[in-house]
C-alpha cells in the first residue's frame, strides 16, 4: 500500500492553478524550503510585495490537471493487517495512491 500527499497540498495550488490562500507547507511538498521561507515572511512584507513573491514562486512550479505527488509512504501489509488513517490532518492532506495484491 502506498500513500502520497494530495496534489493540491503538494504543489500548493489547485489543478486549475489557483494558489491556496492558506498554504499549510507540509514537509516533503514541492519547493518546501522556499515556500516555508515565504510563509514566514507573511506580515513582515507589505501585502503587495508578499503577493508578488508568492505569484513568482508558485508560478514557477509546474503542475498540470493530471499532475500527482510522488508516493511518500510505503507499507507492506500482510493478510489481516489493518491501516487506520487517524486524525483529520492525515485524511485532509494524504491519500492512498496504490494498493497492489500478491
PDB file of N, CA and C in Angstrom:
ATOM      1  N   UNK A   1       0.848  -1.171   0.000  1.00  0.00           N
ATOM      2  CA  UNK A   1       0.000   0.000   0.000  1.00  0.00           C
ATOM      3  C   UNK A   1       0.893   1.233   0.000  1.00  0.00           C
ATOM      4  N   UNK A   2       0.556   2.178  -0.847  1.00  0.00           N
ATOM      5  CA  UNK A   2       1.345   3.410  -0.918  1.00  0.00           C
ATOM      6  C   UNK A   2       0.430   4.619  -0.732  1.00  0.00           C
ATOM      7  N   UNK A   3       0.980   5.630  -0.087  1.00  0.00           N
ATOM      8  CA  UNK A   3       0.232   6.862   0.141  1.00  0.00           C
ATOM      9  C   UNK A   3       1.065   8.038  -0.340  1.00  0.00           C
ATOM     10  N   UNK A   4       0.357   9.089  -0.705  1.00  0.00           N
ATOM     11  CA  UNK A   4       1.028  10.311  -1.143  1.00  0.00           C
ATOM     12  C   UNK A   4       0.245  11.516  -0.635  1.00  0.00           C
ATOM     13  N   UNK A   5       0.920  12.647  -0.657  1.00  0.00           N
ATOM     14  CA  UNK A   5       0.266  13.895  -0.312  1.00  0.00           C
ATOM     15  C   UNK A   5      -0.702  14.241  -1.445  1.00  0.00           C
ATOM     16  N   UNK A   6      -1.842  14.784  -1.118  1.00  0.00           N
ATOM     17  CA  UNK A   6      -2.765  15.201  -2.169  1.00  0.00           C
ATOM     18  C   UNK A   6      -2.085  16.291  -3.001  1.00  0.00           C
ATOM     19  N   UNK A   7      -2.255  16.220  -4.306  1.00  0.00           N
ATOM     20  CA  UNK A   7      -1.550  17.116  -5.227  1.00  0.00           C
ATOM     21  C   UNK A   7      -1.767  18.591  -4.908  1.00  0.00           C
ATOM     22  N   UNK A   8      -2.954  18.947  -4.489  1.00  0.00           N
ATOM     23  CA  UNK A   8      -3.242  20.348  -4.160  1.00  0.00           C
ATOM     24  C   UNK A   8      -2.299  20.865  -3.083  1.00  0.00           C
ATOM     25  N   UNK A   9      -2.036  20.053  -2.067  1.00  0.00           N
ATOM     26  CA  UNK A   9      -1.145  20.473  -0.989  1.00  0.00           C
ATOM     27  C   UNK A   9       0.322  20.277  -1.361  1.00  0.00           C
ATOM     28  N   UNK A  10       0.617  19.282  -2.182  1.00  0.00           N
ATOM     29  CA  UNK A  10       1.995  19.062  -2.628  1.00  0.00           C
ATOM     30  C   UNK A  10       2.482  20.261  -3.436  1.00  0.00           C
ATOM     31  N   UNK A  11       1.646  20.734  -4.354  1.00  0.00           N
ATOM     32  CA  UNK A  11       2.029  21.860  -5.213  1.00  0.00           C
ATOM     33  C   UNK A  11       1.621  23.212  -4.636  1.00  0.00           C
ATOM     34  N   UNK A  12       0.691  23.236  -3.692  1.00  0.00           N
ATOM     35  CA  UNK A  12       0.241  24.500  -3.119  1.00  0.00           C
ATOM     36  C   UNK A  12      -0.761  25.236  -3.979  1.00  0.00           C
ATOM     37  N   UNK A  13      -1.291  24.536  -4.972  1.00  0.00           N
ATOM     38  CA  UNK A  13      -2.297  25.158  -5.832  1.00  0.00           C
ATOM     39  C   UNK A  13      -3.199  24.092  -6.420  1.00  0.00           C
ATOM     40  N   UNK A  14      -4.389  24.516  -6.812  1.00  0.00           N
ATOM     41  CA  UNK A  14      -5.376  23.584  -7.348  1.00  0.00           C
ATOM     42  C   UNK A  14      -4.973  23.123  -8.743  1.00  0.00           C
ATOM     43  N   UNK A  15      -5.692  22.143  -9.272  1.00  0.00           N
ATOM     44  CA  UNK A  15      -5.387  21.657 -10.616  1.00  0.00           C
ATOM     45  C   UNK A  15      -5.675  22.717 -11.672  1.00  0.00           C
ATOM     46  N   UNK A  16      -6.454  23.732 -11.303  1.00  0.00           N
ATOM     47  CA  UNK A  16      -6.725  24.843 -12.215  1.00  0.00           C
ATOM     48  C   UNK A  16      -5.711  25.978 -12.059  1.00  0.00           C
ATOM     49  N   UNK A  17      -4.727  25.779 -11.171  1.00  0.00           N
ATOM     50  CA  UNK A  17      -3.665  26.772 -10.991  1.00  0.00           C
ATOM     51  C   UNK A  17      -3.953  27.834  -9.949  1.00  0.00           C
ATOM     52  N   UNK A  18      -5.033  27.676  -9.198  1.00  0.00           N
ATOM     53  CA  UNK A  18      -5.365  28.664  -8.167  1.00  0.00           C
ATOM     54  C   UNK A  18      -4.538  28.372  -6.917  1.00  0.00           C
ATOM     55  N   UNK A  19      -3.766  29.362  -6.490  1.00  0.00           N
ATOM     56  CA  UNK A  19      -2.885  29.211  -5.330  1.00  0.00           C
ATOM     57  C   UNK A  19      -3.727  29.172  -4.059  1.00  0.00           C
ATOM     58  N   UNK A  20      -3.390  28.238  -3.168  1.00  0.00           N
ATOM     59  CA  UNK A  20      -4.113  28.118  -1.904  1.00  0.00           C
ATOM     60  C   UNK A  20      -3.939  29.386  -1.076  1.00  0.00           C
ATOM     61  N   UNK A  21      -5.032  29.875  -0.522  1.00  0.00           N
ATOM     62  CA  UNK A  21      -4.981  31.099   0.278  1.00  0.00           C
ATOM     63  C   UNK A  21      -4.130  30.891   1.536  1.00  0.00           C
ATOM     64  N   UNK A  22      -4.336  29.766   2.210  1.00  0.00           N
ATOM     65  CA  UNK A  22      -3.568  29.471   3.419  1.00  0.00           C
ATOM     66  C   UNK A  22      -2.838  28.154   3.214  1.00  0.00           C
ATOM     67  N   UNK A  23      -1.725  28.205   2.493  1.00  0.00           N
ATOM     68  CA  UNK A  23      -0.942  27.019   2.156  1.00  0.00           C
ATOM     69  C   UNK A  23      -0.305  26.448   3.415  1.00  0.00           C
ATOM     70  N   UNK A  24      -0.602  25.179   3.772  1.00  0.00           N
ATOM     71  CA  UNK A  24      -0.044  24.614   5.003  1.00  0.00           C
ATOM     72  C   UNK A  24       1.460  24.321   4.946  1.00  0.00           C
ATOM     73  N   UNK A  25       2.078  24.239   3.773  1.00  0.00           N
ATOM     74  CA  UNK A  25       3.510  23.951   3.589  1.00  0.00           C
ATOM     75  C   UNK A  25       3.940  22.751   4.433  1.00  0.00           C
ATOM     76  N   UNK A  26       3.584  21.578   3.954  1.00  0.00           N
ATOM     77  CA  UNK A  26       3.878  20.331   4.654  1.00  0.00           C
ATOM     78  C   UNK A  26       5.269  19.806   4.295  1.00  0.00           C
ATOM     79  N   UNK A  27       5.988  19.205   5.244  1.00  0.00           N
ATOM     80  CA  UNK A  27       7.291  18.619   4.936  1.00  0.00           C
ATOM     81  C   UNK A  27       7.162  17.610   3.795  1.00  0.00           C
ATOM     82  N   UNK A  28       8.047  17.739   2.816  1.00  0.00           N
ATOM     83  CA  UNK A  28       8.034  16.845   1.667  1.00  0.00           C
ATOM     84  C   UNK A  28       7.304  17.412   0.461  1.00  0.00           C
ATOM     85  N   UNK A  29       6.676  18.578   0.620  1.00  0.00           N
ATOM     86  CA  UNK A  29       5.954  19.164  -0.513  1.00  0.00           C
ATOM     87  C   UNK A  29       6.952  19.796  -1.491  1.00  0.00           C
ATOM     88  N   UNK A  30       6.467  20.120  -2.679  1.00  0.00           N
ATOM     89  CA  UNK A  30       7.307  20.746  -3.711  1.00  0.00           C
ATOM     90  C   UNK A  30       7.809  22.105  -3.210  1.00  0.00           C
ATOM     91  N   UNK A  31       9.085  22.365  -3.422  1.00  0.00           N
ATOM     92  CA  UNK A  31       9.709  23.638  -3.021  1.00  0.00           C
ATOM     93  C   UNK A  31       9.471  23.969  -1.549  1.00  0.00           C
ATOM     94  N   UNK A  32       9.605  22.963  -0.705  1.00  0.00           N
ATOM     95  CA  UNK A  32       9.307  23.114   0.727  1.00  0.00           C
ATOM     96  C   UNK A  32      10.051  24.286   1.363  1.00  0.00           C
ATOM     97  N   UNK A  33      11.366  24.345   1.202  1.00  0.00           N
ATOM     98  CA  UNK A  33      12.156  25.390   1.864  1.00  0.00           C
ATOM     99  C   UNK A  33      11.741  26.778   1.412  1.00  0.00           C
ATOM    100  N   UNK A  34      11.574  26.952   0.105  1.00  0.00           N
ATOM    101  CA  UNK A  34      11.205  28.260  -0.433  1.00  0.00           C
ATOM    102  C   UNK A  34       9.810  28.684   0.032  1.00  0.00           C
ATOM    103  N   UNK A  35       8.880  27.729   0.024  1.00  0.00           N
ATOM    104  CA  UNK A  35       7.510  28.038   0.457  1.00  0.00           C
ATOM    105  C   UNK A  35       7.468  28.375   1.938  1.00  0.00           C
ATOM    106  N   UNK A  36       8.237  27.642   2.745  1.00  0.00           N
ATOM    107  CA  UNK A  36       8.267  27.902   4.181  1.00  0.00           C
ATOM    108  C   UNK A  36       8.884  29.278   4.467  1.00  0.00           C
ATOM    109  N   UNK A  37       9.973  29.608   3.771  1.00  0.00           N
ATOM    110  CA  UNK A  37      10.596  30.920   3.952  1.00  0.00           C
ATOM    111  C   UNK A  37       9.613  32.036   3.608  1.00  0.00           C
ATOM    112  N   UNK A  38       8.903  31.863   2.502  1.00  0.00           N
ATOM    113  CA  UNK A  38       7.927  32.875   2.099  1.00  0.00           C
ATOM    114  C   UNK A  38       6.805  32.984   3.126  1.00  0.00           C
ATOM    115  N   UNK A  39       6.312  31.859   3.597  1.00  0.00           N
ATOM    116  CA  UNK A  39       5.232  31.878   4.592  1.00  0.00           C
ATOM    117  C   UNK A  39       5.681  32.599   5.868  1.00  0.00           C
ATOM    118  N   UNK A  40       6.950  32.416   6.240  1.00  0.00           N
ATOM    119  CA  UNK A  40       7.475  33.077   7.441  1.00  0.00           C
ATOM    120  C   UNK A  40       7.619  34.588   7.254  1.00  0.00           C
ATOM    121  N   UNK A  41       7.611  35.052   6.002  1.00  0.00           N
ATOM    122  CA  UNK A  41       7.689  36.490   5.724  1.00  0.00           C
ATOM    123  C   UNK A  41       6.316  37.156   5.756  1.00  0.00           C
ATOM    124  N   UNK A  42       5.265  36.349   5.843  1.00  0.00           N
ATOM    125  CA  UNK A  42       3.901  36.885   5.886  1.00  0.00           C
ATOM    126  C   UNK A  42       3.772  37.818   7.082  1.00  0.00           C
ATOM    127  N   UNK A  43       3.327  39.026   6.854  1.00  0.00           N
ATOM    128  CA  UNK A  43       3.195  40.017   7.924  1.00  0.00           C
ATOM    129  C   UNK A  43       4.427  40.893   8.060  1.00  0.00           C
ATOM    130  N   UNK A  44       5.575  40.421   7.568  1.00  0.00           N
ATOM    131  CA  UNK A  44       6.803  41.210   7.622  1.00  0.00           C
ATOM    132  C   UNK A  44       6.969  42.038   6.343  1.00  0.00           C
ATOM    133  N   UNK A  45       6.339  41.567   5.270  1.00  0.00           N
ATOM    134  CA  UNK A  45       6.367  42.280   3.994  1.00  0.00           C
ATOM    135  C   UNK A  45       5.041  42.992   3.781  1.00  0.00           C
ATOM    136  N   UNK A  46       5.057  44.003   2.952  1.00  0.00           N
ATOM    137  CA  UNK A  46       3.797  44.637   2.561  1.00  0.00           C
ATOM    138  C   UNK A  46       3.010  43.611   1.760  1.00  0.00           C
ATOM    139  N   UNK A  47       1.684  43.695   1.848  1.00  0.00           N
ATOM    140  CA  UNK A  47       0.818  42.713   1.198  1.00  0.00           C
ATOM    141  C   UNK A  47       1.112  42.557  -0.291  1.00  0.00           C
ATOM    142  N   UNK A  48       1.306  43.678  -1.001  1.00  0.00           N
ATOM    143  CA  UNK A  48       1.544  43.582  -2.442  1.00  0.00           C
ATOM    144  C   UNK A  48       2.889  42.920  -2.747  1.00  0.00           C
ATOM    145  N   UNK A  49       3.906  43.168  -1.931  1.00  0.00           N
ATOM    146  CA  UNK A  49       5.217  42.527  -2.124  1.00  0.00           C
ATOM    147  C   UNK A  49       5.121  41.034  -1.841  1.00  0.00           C
ATOM    148  N   UNK A  50       4.408  40.677  -0.784  1.00  0.00           N
ATOM    149  CA  UNK A  50       4.214  39.265  -0.445  1.00  0.00           C
ATOM    150  C   UNK A  50       3.501  38.543  -1.585  1.00  0.00           C
ATOM    151  N   UNK A  51       2.421  39.129  -2.090  1.00  0.00           N
ATOM    152  CA  UNK A  51       1.663  38.512  -3.178  1.00  0.00           C
ATOM    153  C   UNK A  51       2.499  38.387  -4.443  1.00  0.00           C
ATOM    154  N   UNK A  52       3.331  39.370  -4.712  1.00  0.00           N
ATOM    155  CA  UNK A  52       4.207  39.330  -5.889  1.00  0.00           C
ATOM    156  C   UNK A  52       5.195  38.163  -5.773  1.00  0.00           C
ATOM    157  N   UNK A  53       5.802  38.006  -4.611  1.00  0.00           N
ATOM    158  CA  UNK A  53       6.741  36.900  -4.386  1.00  0.00           C
ATOM    159  C   UNK A  53       6.029  35.539  -4.455  1.00  0.00           C
ATOM    160  N   UNK A  54       4.835  35.505  -3.907  1.00  0.00           N
ATOM    161  CA  UNK A  54       4.043  34.278  -3.912  1.00  0.00           C
ATOM    162  C   UNK A  54       3.703  33.871  -5.348  1.00  0.00           C
ATOM    163  N   UNK A  55       3.254  34.817  -6.147  1.00  0.00           N
ATOM    164  CA  UNK A  55       2.936  34.540  -7.556  1.00  0.00           C
ATOM    165  C   UNK A  55       4.165  34.046  -8.313  1.00  0.00           C
ATOM    166  N   UNK A  56       5.304  34.650  -8.056  1.00  0.00           N
ATOM    167  CA  UNK A  56       6.541  34.245  -8.739  1.00  0.00           C
ATOM    168  C   UNK A  56       6.931  32.819  -8.359  1.00  0.00           C
ATOM    169  N   UNK A  57       6.913  32.506  -7.069  1.00  0.00           N
ATOM    170  CA  UNK A  57       7.294  31.177  -6.600  1.00  0.00           C
ATOM    171  C   UNK A  57       6.338  30.109  -7.113  1.00  0.00           C
ATOM    172  N   UNK A  58       5.055  30.316  -6.910  1.00  0.00           N
ATOM    173  CA  UNK A  58       4.077  29.301  -7.297  1.00  0.00           C
ATOM    174  C   UNK A  58       3.905  29.228  -8.813  1.00  0.00           C
ATOM    175  N   UNK A  59       4.117  30.320  -9.495  1.00  0.00           N
ATOM    176  CA  UNK A  59       4.038  30.327 -10.951  1.00  0.00           C
ATOM    177  C   UNK A  59       5.156  29.518 -11.594  1.00  0.00           C
ATOM    178  N   UNK A  60       6.291  29.403 -10.898  1.00  0.00           N
ATOM    179  CA  UNK A  60       7.428  28.650 -11.439  1.00  0.00           C
ATOM    180  C   UNK A  60       7.252  27.142 -11.277  1.00  0.00           C
ATOM    181  N   UNK A  61       6.303  26.723 -10.424  1.00  0.00           N
ATOM    182  CA  UNK A  61       6.078  25.292 -10.209  1.00  0.00           C
ATOM    183  C   UNK A  61       5.198  24.739 -11.322  1.00  0.00           C
ATOM    184  N   UNK A  62       5.644  23.655 -11.909  1.00  0.00           N
ATOM    185  CA  UNK A  62       4.901  23.018 -12.993  1.00  0.00           C
ATOM    186  C   UNK A  62       3.842  22.095 -12.436  1.00  0.00           C
ATOM    187  N   UNK A  63       2.614  22.343 -12.809  1.00  0.00           N
ATOM    188  CA  UNK A  63       1.524  21.462 -12.407  1.00  0.00           C
ATOM    189  C   UNK A  63       0.478  21.458 -13.503  1.00  0.00           C
ATOM    190  N   UNK A  64       0.093  20.270 -13.915  1.00  0.00           N
ATOM    191  CA  UNK A  64      -0.982  20.130 -14.885  1.00  0.00           C
ATOM    192  C   UNK A  64      -2.192  19.563 -14.160  1.00  0.00           C
ATOM    193  N   UNK A  65      -3.298  19.467 -14.854  1.00  0.00           N
ATOM    194  CA  UNK A  65      -4.512  18.932 -14.225  1.00  0.00           C
ATOM    195  C   UNK A  65      -4.347  17.479 -13.811  1.00  0.00           C
ATOM    196  N   UNK A  66      -3.402  16.769 -14.435  1.00  0.00           N
ATOM    197  CA  UNK A  66      -3.194  15.358 -14.107  1.00  0.00           C
ATOM    198  C   UNK A  66      -1.952  15.113 -13.258  1.00  0.00           C
ATOM    199  N   UNK A  67      -1.263  16.169 -12.843  1.00  0.00           N
ATOM    200  CA  UNK A  67      -0.066  16.007 -12.009  1.00  0.00           C
ATOM    201  C   UNK A  67      -0.420  15.361 -10.679  1.00  0.00           C
ATOM    202  N   UNK A  68       0.442  14.475 -10.248  1.00  0.00           N
ATOM    203  CA  UNK A  68       0.256  13.815  -8.956  1.00  0.00           C
ATOM    204  C   UNK A  68       1.531  13.946  -8.134  1.00  0.00           C
ATOM    205  N   UNK A  69       1.372  13.959  -6.852  1.00  0.00           N
ATOM    206  CA  UNK A  69       2.529  13.986  -5.959  1.00  0.00           C
ATOM    207  C   UNK A  69       3.168  12.604  -5.940  1.00  0.00           C
ATOM    208  N   UNK A  70       4.468  12.539  -5.647  1.00  0.00           N
ATOM    209  CA  UNK A  70       5.108  11.224  -5.562  1.00  0.00           C
ATOM    210  C   UNK A  70       4.668  10.467  -4.311  1.00  0.00           C
ATOM    211  N   UNK A  71       4.791   9.147  -4.369  1.00  0.00           N
ATOM    212  CA  UNK A  71       4.467   8.338  -3.198  1.00  0.00           C
ATOM    213  C   UNK A  71       5.429   8.697  -2.076  1.00  0.00           C
ATOM    214  N   UNK A  72       4.903   8.833  -0.869  1.00  0.00           N
ATOM    215  CA  UNK A  72       5.728   9.228   0.269  1.00  0.00           C
ATOM    216  C   UNK A  72       5.786   8.151   1.339  1.00  0.00           C
ATOM    217  N   UNK A  73       4.727   7.365   1.448  1.00  0.00           N
ATOM    218  CA  UNK A  73       4.643   6.354   2.493  1.00  0.00           C
ATOM    219  C   UNK A  73       4.371   5.009   1.831  1.00  0.00           C
ATOM    220  N   UNK A  74       5.220   4.048   2.099  1.00  0.00           N
ATOM    221  CA  UNK A  74       5.011   2.699   1.573  1.00  0.00           C
ATOM    222  C   UNK A  74       4.886   1.752   2.755  1.00  0.00           C
ATOM    223  N   UNK A  75       3.834   0.937   2.710  1.00  0.00           N
ATOM    224  CA  UNK A  75       3.611  -0.023   3.791  1.00  0.00           C
ATOM    225  C   UNK A  75       3.441  -1.403   3.178  1.00  0.00           C
ATOM    226  N   UNK A  76       4.127  -2.352   3.747  1.00  0.00           N
ATOM    227  CA  UNK A  76       3.986  -3.738   3.307  1.00  0.00           C
ATOM    228  C   UNK A  76       3.009  -4.411   4.267  1.00  0.00           C
ATOM    229  N   UNK A  77       1.834  -4.685   3.748  1.00  0.00           N
ATOM    230  CA  UNK A  77       0.795  -5.276   4.586  1.00  0.00           C
ATOM    231  C   UNK A  77       0.648  -6.762   4.279  1.00  0.00           C
ATOM    232  N   UNK A  78       0.309  -7.498   5.278  1.00  0.00           N
ATOM    233  CA  UNK A  78       0.066  -8.929   5.120  1.00  0.00           C
ATOM    234  C   UNK A  78      -1.410  -9.200   5.356  1.00  0.00           C
ATOM    235  N   UNK A  79      -1.830 -10.386   5.007  1.00  0.00           N
ATOM    236  CA  UNK A  79      -3.220 -10.775   5.181  1.00  0.00           C
ATOM    237  C   UNK A  79      -3.680 -10.497   6.614  1.00  0.00           C
ATOM    238  N   UNK A  80      -4.787  -9.779   6.732  1.00  0.00           N
ATOM    239  CA  UNK A  80      -5.346  -9.481   8.039  1.00  0.00           C
ATOM    240  C   UNK A  80      -4.866  -8.175   8.650  1.00  0.00           C
ATOM    241  N   UNK A  81      -3.851  -7.525   8.052  1.00  0.00           N
ATOM    242  CA  UNK A  81      -3.378  -6.244   8.579  1.00  0.00           C
ATOM    243  C   UNK A  81      -4.429  -5.168   8.344  1.00  0.00           C
ATOM    244  N   UNK A  82      -4.445  -4.190   9.223  1.00  0.00           N
ATOM    245  CA  UNK A  82      -5.391  -3.088   9.107  1.00  0.00           C
ATOM    246  C   UNK A  82      -4.630  -1.777   9.228  1.00  0.00           C
ATOM    247  N   UNK A  83      -5.013  -0.797   8.410  1.00  0.00           N
ATOM    248  CA  UNK A  83      -4.412   0.529   8.474  1.00  0.00           C
ATOM    249  C   UNK A  83      -5.508   1.516   8.836  1.00  0.00           C
ATOM    250  N   UNK A  84      -5.227   2.365   9.803  1.00  0.00           N
ATOM    251  CA  UNK A  84      -6.183   3.396  10.211  1.00  0.00           C
ATOM    252  C   UNK A  84      -5.543   4.745   9.915  1.00  0.00           C
ATOM    253  N   UNK A  85      -6.219   5.539   9.080  1.00  0.00           N
ATOM    254  CA  UNK A  85      -5.748   6.903   8.814  1.00  0.00           C
ATOM    255  C   UNK A  85      -6.314   7.783   9.913  1.00  0.00           C
ATOM    256  N   UNK A  86      -5.591   7.862  11.013  1.00  0.00           N
ATOM    257  CA  UNK A  86      -6.074   8.524  12.219  1.00  0.00           C
ATOM    258  C   UNK A  86      -5.889  10.035  12.128  1.00  0.00           C
ATOM    259  N   UNK A  87      -6.913  10.748  12.468  1.00  0.00           N
ATOM    260  CA  UNK A  87      -6.844  12.202  12.571  1.00  0.00           C
ATOM    261  C   UNK A  87      -7.253  12.919  11.302  1.00  0.00           C
ATOM    262  N   UNK A  88      -7.819  14.085  11.493  1.00  0.00           N
ATOM    263  CA  UNK A  88      -8.303  14.887  10.374  1.00  0.00           C
ATOM    264  C   UNK A  88      -7.165  15.345   9.468  1.00  0.00           C
ATOM    265  N   UNK A  89      -6.015  15.623  10.035  1.00  0.00           N
ATOM    266  CA  UNK A  89      -4.893  16.109   9.221  1.00  0.00           C
ATOM    267  C   UNK A  89      -4.418  15.049   8.228  1.00  0.00           C
ATOM    268  N   UNK A  90      -4.334  13.823   8.673  1.00  0.00           N
ATOM    269  CA  UNK A  90      -3.896  12.740   7.790  1.00  0.00           C
ATOM    270  C   UNK A  90      -4.855  12.598   6.619  1.00  0.00           C
ATOM    271  N   UNK A  91      -6.125  12.568   6.899  1.00  0.00           N
ATOM    272  CA  UNK A  91      -7.118  12.379   5.851  1.00  0.00           C
ATOM    273  C   UNK A  91      -7.277  13.622   4.978  1.00  0.00           C
ATOM    274  N   UNK A  92      -6.998  14.771   5.523  1.00  0.00           N
ATOM    275  CA  UNK A  92      -7.125  16.006   4.744  1.00  0.00           C
ATOM    276  C   UNK A  92      -5.987  16.151   3.740  1.00  0.00           C
ATOM    277  N   UNK A  93      -4.768  15.801   4.135  1.00  0.00           N
ATOM    278  CA  UNK A  93      -3.594  16.076   3.316  1.00  0.00           C
ATOM    279  C   UNK A  93      -3.044  14.889   2.531  1.00  0.00           C
ATOM    280  N   UNK A  94      -3.418  13.655   2.888  1.00  0.00           N
ATOM    281  CA  UNK A  94      -2.856  12.470   2.237  1.00  0.00           C
ATOM    282  C   UNK A  94      -3.939  11.575   1.657  1.00  0.00           C
ATOM    283  N   UNK A  95      -3.553  10.775   0.668  1.00  0.00           N
ATOM    284  CA  UNK A  95      -4.472   9.845   0.028  1.00  0.00           C
ATOM    285  C   UNK A  95      -3.746   8.553  -0.316  1.00  0.00           C
ATOM    286  N   UNK A  96      -4.504   7.472  -0.433  1.00  0.00           N
ATOM    287  CA  UNK A  96      -3.944   6.198  -0.877  1.00  0.00           C
ATOM    288  C   UNK A  96      -3.713   6.318  -2.366  1.00  0.00           C
ATOM    289  N   UNK A  97      -2.496   6.011  -2.811  1.00  0.00           N
ATOM    290  CA  UNK A  97      -2.184   6.145  -4.230  1.00  0.00           C
ATOM    291  C   UNK A  97      -2.134   4.820  -4.943  1.00  0.00           C
ATOM    292  N   UNK A  98      -1.895   3.744  -4.228  1.00  0.00           N
ATOM    293  CA  UNK A  98      -1.844   2.421  -4.869  1.00  0.00           C
ATOM    294  C   UNK A  98      -1.993   1.329  -3.834  1.00  0.00           C
ATOM    295  N   UNK A  99      -2.706   0.321  -4.235  1.00  0.00           N
ATOM    296  CA  UNK A  99      -2.817  -0.900  -3.436  1.00  0.00           C
ATOM    297  C   UNK A  99      -2.589  -2.031  -4.410  1.00  0.00           C
ATOM    298  N   UNK A 100      -1.627  -2.870  -4.112  1.00  0.00           N
ATOM    299  CA  UNK A 100      -1.366  -3.984  -5.015  1.00  0.00           C
ATOM    300  C   UNK A 100      -1.493  -5.295  -4.255  1.00  0.00           C
ATOM    301  N   UNK A 101      -1.914  -6.292  -4.975  1.00  0.00           N
ATOM    302  CA  UNK A 101      -2.080  -7.619  -4.377  1.00  0.00           C
ATOM    303  C   UNK A 101      -0.818  -8.430  -4.510  1.00  0.00           C
ATOM    304  N   UNK A 102      -0.861  -9.685  -4.047  1.00  0.00           N
ATOM    305  CA  UNK A 102       0.323 -10.559  -4.071  1.00  0.00           C
ATOM    306  C   UNK A 102       0.776 -10.906  -5.476  1.00  0.00           C
TER     307      UNK A 102
END
